[in-house]
Amino acid sequence: MVDSNTTKKVKRTASKATRKAKETIKNISENETFKVEGEKVLGKVKELIKEGNVRRIIIKDKKGKEIIQVPLTFGLLGAALAPMLAAVGAVAALVTECTITVERR
């Protein structure tokens, strides 16, 4: 026969495990991919940043070679974005077609 203290401990442990599992599922990243022409890359990146739930942007050429990877954090605003957008603009000038992979939280 199981005493009530053991039952309570098992329930608490199960509850903690359930909460941790839900938290882990919530933090799993989702990836989304877009094919974009060179001159539209910068506009698409700006659009994605405005959405706000983007963790990382990866730009690859049409052969699949990674050109630039930009990690984005919650506090990245204004002046901090300018150098990153300049780099994306430079990439856009060099490629005719590319793939943008977006890692979302």
N, C-alpha and C. Protein backbone atom coordinates (compact mmCIF):
# COMPACT_ATOMS: atom_id res chain seq x y z
N MET A 1 0.83 -1.18 0.00
CA MET A 1 0.00 0.00 0.00
C MET A 1 0.89 1.26 0.00
N VAL A 2 0.55 2.28 -0.80
CA VAL A 2 1.32 3.50 -0.93
C VAL A 2 0.75 4.55 0.01
N ASP A 3 1.66 5.19 0.79
CA ASP A 3 1.15 6.21 1.71
C ASP A 3 0.87 7.52 0.99
N SER A 4 0.15 8.42 1.64
CA SER A 4 -0.27 9.66 0.99
C SER A 4 0.89 10.59 0.69
N ASN A 5 1.96 10.57 1.49
CA ASN A 5 3.13 11.41 1.22
C ASN A 5 3.80 11.01 -0.09
N THR A 6 3.91 9.72 -0.35
CA THR A 6 4.51 9.24 -1.59
C THR A 6 3.66 9.66 -2.78
N THR A 7 2.37 9.54 -2.64
CA THR A 7 1.45 9.95 -3.70
C THR A 7 1.59 11.44 -4.01
N LYS A 8 1.69 12.26 -2.98
CA LYS A 8 1.85 13.71 -3.17
C LYS A 8 3.16 14.02 -3.88
N LYS A 9 4.24 13.32 -3.49
CA LYS A 9 5.55 13.54 -4.12
C LYS A 9 5.51 13.17 -5.61
N VAL A 10 4.86 12.07 -5.91
CA VAL A 10 4.74 11.63 -7.30
C VAL A 10 3.95 12.66 -8.11
N LYS A 11 2.85 13.15 -7.55
CA LYS A 11 2.04 14.16 -8.25
C LYS A 11 2.82 15.44 -8.49
N ARG A 12 3.61 15.89 -7.48
CA ARG A 12 4.41 17.11 -7.64
C ARG A 12 5.47 16.92 -8.72
N THR A 13 6.12 15.77 -8.71
CA THR A 13 7.14 15.48 -9.72
C THR A 13 6.53 15.44 -11.12
N ALA A 14 5.38 14.83 -11.25
CA ALA A 14 4.70 14.76 -12.55
C ALA A 14 4.29 16.15 -13.01
N SER A 15 3.83 16.97 -12.09
CA SER A 15 3.42 18.33 -12.43
C SER A 15 4.62 19.16 -12.91
N LYS A 16 5.77 19.02 -12.23
CA LYS A 16 6.98 19.74 -12.64
C LYS A 16 7.42 19.28 -14.03
N ALA A 17 7.37 17.99 -14.27
CA ALA A 17 7.77 17.44 -15.57
C ALA A 17 6.87 17.96 -16.68
N THR A 18 5.58 18.04 -16.40
CA THR A 18 4.63 18.56 -17.39
C THR A 18 4.92 20.01 -17.71
N ARG A 19 5.18 20.83 -16.68
CA ARG A 19 5.50 22.25 -16.90
C ARG A 19 6.78 22.40 -17.72
N LYS A 20 7.80 21.61 -17.40
CA LYS A 20 9.06 21.69 -18.16
C LYS A 20 8.86 21.27 -19.61
N ALA A 21 8.06 20.25 -19.84
CA ALA A 21 7.80 19.80 -21.21
C ALA A 21 7.08 20.89 -22.00
N LYS A 22 6.09 21.52 -21.38
CA LYS A 22 5.36 22.61 -22.07
C LYS A 22 6.29 23.77 -22.37
N GLU A 23 7.18 24.11 -21.44
CA GLU A 23 8.13 25.20 -21.65
C GLU A 23 9.08 24.87 -22.79
N THR A 24 9.55 23.64 -22.84
CA THR A 24 10.46 23.21 -23.91
C THR A 24 9.78 23.29 -25.26
N ILE A 25 8.56 22.84 -25.35
CA ILE A 25 7.81 22.89 -26.60
C ILE A 25 7.62 24.33 -27.04
N LYS A 26 7.37 25.21 -26.11
CA LYS A 26 7.16 26.63 -26.42
C LYS A 26 8.42 27.26 -26.99
N ASN A 27 9.60 26.79 -26.54
CA ASN A 27 10.87 27.38 -26.96
C ASN A 27 11.46 26.76 -28.22
N ILE A 28 10.80 25.76 -28.77
CA ILE A 28 11.30 25.14 -30.00
C ILE A 28 11.18 26.14 -31.14
N SER A 29 12.22 26.25 -31.92
CA SER A 29 12.23 27.19 -33.03
C SER A 29 11.54 26.60 -34.25
N GLU A 30 10.95 27.49 -35.02
CA GLU A 30 10.35 27.11 -36.29
C GLU A 30 11.14 27.81 -37.39
N ASN A 31 11.41 27.09 -38.46
CA ASN A 31 12.12 27.69 -39.59
C ASN A 31 11.16 27.88 -40.76
N GLU A 32 11.33 28.99 -41.43
CA GLU A 32 10.52 29.32 -42.60
C GLU A 32 11.48 29.81 -43.68
N THR A 33 11.24 29.43 -44.92
CA THR A 33 12.15 29.78 -46.00
C THR A 33 11.41 30.54 -47.10
N PHE A 34 12.08 31.57 -47.63
CA PHE A 34 11.53 32.38 -48.71
C PHE A 34 12.56 32.47 -49.83
N LYS A 35 12.11 32.35 -51.08
CA LYS A 35 12.98 32.61 -52.23
C LYS A 35 12.71 34.05 -52.66
N VAL A 36 13.80 34.82 -52.78
CA VAL A 36 13.66 36.25 -53.05
C VAL A 36 14.66 36.67 -54.11
N GLU A 37 14.25 37.59 -54.97
CA GLU A 37 15.16 38.18 -55.96
C GLU A 37 16.04 39.20 -55.26
N GLY A 38 17.25 39.39 -55.76
CA GLY A 38 18.25 40.25 -55.14
C GLY A 38 17.77 41.61 -54.68
N GLU A 39 17.06 42.33 -55.55
CA GLU A 39 16.65 43.69 -55.19
C GLU A 39 15.56 43.74 -54.12
N LYS A 40 14.92 42.60 -53.83
CA LYS A 40 13.85 42.55 -52.83
C LYS A 40 14.30 42.01 -51.48
N VAL A 41 15.58 41.64 -51.37
CA VAL A 41 16.09 41.03 -50.15
C VAL A 41 15.98 41.98 -48.96
N LEU A 42 16.46 43.20 -49.13
CA LEU A 42 16.46 44.16 -48.03
C LEU A 42 15.04 44.44 -47.54
N GLY A 43 14.12 44.62 -48.46
CA GLY A 43 12.72 44.86 -48.07
C GLY A 43 12.13 43.70 -47.29
N LYS A 44 12.44 42.48 -47.73
CA LYS A 44 11.92 41.29 -47.05
C LYS A 44 12.51 41.17 -45.65
N VAL A 45 13.82 41.44 -45.51
CA VAL A 45 14.45 41.38 -44.20
C VAL A 45 13.85 42.41 -43.26
N LYS A 46 13.63 43.62 -43.74
CA LYS A 46 13.00 44.66 -42.91
C LYS A 46 11.60 44.23 -42.48
N GLU A 47 10.86 43.64 -43.40
CA GLU A 47 9.50 43.16 -43.10
C GLU A 47 9.54 42.08 -42.00
N LEU A 48 10.48 41.18 -42.11
CA LEU A 48 10.61 40.11 -41.13
C LEU A 48 10.99 40.65 -39.75
N ILE A 49 11.88 41.63 -39.72
CA ILE A 49 12.28 42.22 -38.44
C ILE A 49 11.10 42.90 -37.77
N LYS A 50 10.27 43.57 -38.55
CA LYS A 50 9.10 44.24 -37.99
C LYS A 50 8.12 43.27 -37.35
N GLU A 51 8.09 42.03 -37.84
CA GLU A 51 7.19 41.03 -37.26
C GLU A 51 7.56 40.76 -35.80
N GLY A 52 8.83 40.85 -35.47
CA GLY A 52 9.25 40.80 -34.09
C GLY A 52 9.53 39.44 -33.48
N ASN A 53 9.12 38.35 -34.08
CA ASN A 53 9.35 37.05 -33.46
C ASN A 53 10.45 36.26 -34.17
N VAL A 54 11.39 36.98 -34.76
CA VAL A 54 12.48 36.37 -35.52
C VAL A 54 13.72 36.29 -34.65
N ARG A 55 14.32 35.10 -34.55
CA ARG A 55 15.55 34.92 -33.77
C ARG A 55 16.79 35.04 -34.63
N ARG A 56 16.70 34.58 -35.87
CA ARG A 56 17.87 34.56 -36.75
C ARG A 56 17.42 34.59 -38.20
N ILE A 57 18.19 35.29 -39.02
CA ILE A 57 17.94 35.33 -40.46
C ILE A 57 19.20 34.82 -41.15
N ILE A 58 19.03 33.86 -42.04
CA ILE A 58 20.14 33.30 -42.80
C ILE A 58 19.87 33.52 -44.28
N ILE A 59 20.81 34.12 -44.98
CA ILE A 59 20.66 34.35 -46.41
C ILE A 59 21.64 33.45 -47.15
N LYS A 60 21.10 32.69 -48.10
CA LYS A 60 21.92 31.77 -48.90
C LYS A 60 21.77 32.12 -50.37
N ASP A 61 22.83 31.85 -51.15
CA ASP A 61 22.74 32.07 -52.59
C ASP A 61 21.92 30.94 -53.22
N LYS A 62 21.71 31.03 -54.52
CA LYS A 62 20.83 30.04 -55.17
C LYS A 62 21.41 28.63 -55.18
N LYS A 63 22.71 28.51 -54.92
CA LYS A 63 23.33 27.18 -54.82
C LYS A 63 23.22 26.60 -53.41
N GLY A 64 22.72 27.42 -52.47
CA GLY A 64 22.55 26.95 -51.10
C GLY A 64 23.70 27.30 -50.17
N LYS A 65 24.68 28.05 -50.69
CA LYS A 65 25.82 28.45 -49.86
C LYS A 65 25.42 29.64 -48.97
N GLU A 66 25.70 29.51 -47.68
CA GLU A 66 25.34 30.57 -46.74
C GLU A 66 26.19 31.81 -47.00
N ILE A 67 25.53 32.95 -47.16
CA ILE A 67 26.23 34.20 -47.41
C ILE A 67 26.35 35.02 -46.13
N ILE A 68 25.26 35.12 -45.40
CA ILE A 68 25.26 35.90 -44.16
C ILE A 68 24.25 35.29 -43.19
N GLN A 69 24.62 35.37 -41.91
CA GLN A 69 23.73 34.90 -40.85
C GLN A 69 23.61 36.03 -39.84
N VAL A 70 22.38 36.45 -39.55
CA VAL A 70 22.17 37.58 -38.67
C VAL A 70 21.34 37.13 -37.46
N PRO A 71 21.96 37.06 -36.28
CA PRO A 71 21.17 36.76 -35.08
C PRO A 71 20.45 38.03 -34.62
N LEU A 72 19.20 37.89 -34.26
CA LEU A 72 18.42 39.04 -33.80
C LEU A 72 18.00 38.81 -32.35
N THR A 73 18.13 39.83 -31.55
CA THR A 73 17.71 39.74 -30.16
C THR A 73 16.58 40.72 -29.92
N PHE A 74 15.90 40.53 -28.83
CA PHE A 74 14.75 41.37 -28.50
C PHE A 74 15.12 42.84 -28.43
N GLY A 75 16.30 43.16 -27.91
CA GLY A 75 16.69 44.55 -27.70
C GLY A 75 17.34 45.22 -28.90
N LEU A 76 17.39 44.56 -30.03
CA LEU A 76 18.05 45.12 -31.21
C LEU A 76 17.14 46.15 -31.86
N LEU A 77 17.51 47.42 -31.75
CA LEU A 77 16.68 48.50 -32.27
C LEU A 77 17.53 49.55 -32.98
N GLY A 78 16.86 50.38 -33.76
CA GLY A 78 17.40 51.57 -34.37
C GLY A 78 18.82 51.51 -34.88
N ALA A 79 19.72 52.22 -34.19
CA ALA A 79 21.11 52.34 -34.63
C ALA A 79 21.81 50.99 -34.70
N ALA A 80 21.41 50.05 -33.85
CA ALA A 80 22.03 48.72 -33.87
C ALA A 80 21.66 47.96 -35.14
N LEU A 81 20.53 48.28 -35.73
CA LEU A 81 20.09 47.60 -36.96
C LEU A 81 20.79 48.13 -38.20
N ALA A 82 21.24 49.37 -38.17
CA ALA A 82 21.81 50.01 -39.36
C ALA A 82 22.97 49.22 -39.98
N PRO A 83 23.98 48.79 -39.20
CA PRO A 83 25.08 48.03 -39.82
C PRO A 83 24.62 46.70 -40.41
N MET A 84 23.70 46.05 -39.72
CA MET A 84 23.19 44.76 -40.20
C MET A 84 22.43 44.96 -41.51
N LEU A 85 21.61 45.99 -41.58
CA LEU A 85 20.85 46.25 -42.81
C LEU A 85 21.78 46.67 -43.95
N ALA A 86 22.86 47.37 -43.62
CA ALA A 86 23.84 47.74 -44.66
C ALA A 86 24.50 46.48 -45.22
N ALA A 87 24.80 45.53 -44.36
CA ALA A 87 25.41 44.27 -44.81
C ALA A 87 24.43 43.50 -45.69
N VAL A 88 23.16 43.46 -45.29
CA VAL A 88 22.14 42.77 -46.09
C VAL A 88 21.99 43.47 -47.44
N GLY A 89 22.02 44.78 -47.45
CA GLY A 89 21.94 45.53 -48.70
C GLY A 89 23.10 45.22 -49.63
N ALA A 90 24.30 45.09 -49.06
CA ALA A 90 25.48 44.74 -49.86
C ALA A 90 25.33 43.35 -50.47
N VAL A 91 24.81 42.43 -49.68
CA VAL A 91 24.57 41.07 -50.17
C VAL A 91 23.56 41.10 -51.30
N ALA A 92 22.51 41.87 -51.12
CA ALA A 92 21.45 41.96 -52.13
C ALA A 92 22.00 42.48 -53.46
N ALA A 93 22.99 43.36 -53.39
CA ALA A 93 23.57 43.91 -54.62
C ALA A 93 24.40 42.85 -55.36
N LEU A 94 24.86 41.84 -54.64
CA LEU A 94 25.74 40.83 -55.25
C LEU A 94 25.00 39.61 -55.80
N VAL A 95 23.81 39.34 -55.31
CA VAL A 95 23.11 38.12 -55.73
C VAL A 95 21.89 38.47 -56.59
N THR A 96 21.57 37.55 -57.50
CA THR A 96 20.38 37.75 -58.32
C THR A 96 19.17 37.08 -57.70
N GLU A 97 19.41 35.97 -57.05
CA GLU A 97 18.34 35.22 -56.40
C GLU A 97 18.92 34.58 -55.16
N CYS A 98 18.15 34.59 -54.06
CA CYS A 98 18.65 33.96 -52.85
C CYS A 98 17.50 33.38 -52.05
N THR A 99 17.88 32.66 -51.02
CA THR A 99 16.91 32.06 -50.11
C THR A 99 17.13 32.69 -48.75
N ILE A 100 16.04 33.12 -48.11
CA ILE A 100 16.11 33.65 -46.76
C ILE A 100 15.45 32.62 -45.85
N THR A 101 16.21 32.14 -44.89
CA THR A 101 15.67 31.23 -43.90
C THR A 101 15.50 32.00 -42.60
N VAL A 102 14.32 31.92 -42.04
CA VAL A 102 13.98 32.65 -40.83
C VAL A 102 13.76 31.66 -39.71
N GLU A 103 14.49 31.84 -38.63
CA GLU A 103 14.28 31.02 -37.44
C GLU A 103 13.42 31.83 -36.48
N ARG A 104 12.26 31.30 -36.18
CA ARG A 104 11.34 31.99 -35.29
C ARG A 104 11.32 31.32 -33.93
N ARG A 105 10.94 32.08 -32.96
CA ARG A 105 10.85 31.53 -31.62
C ARG A 105 9.47 31.00 -31.38
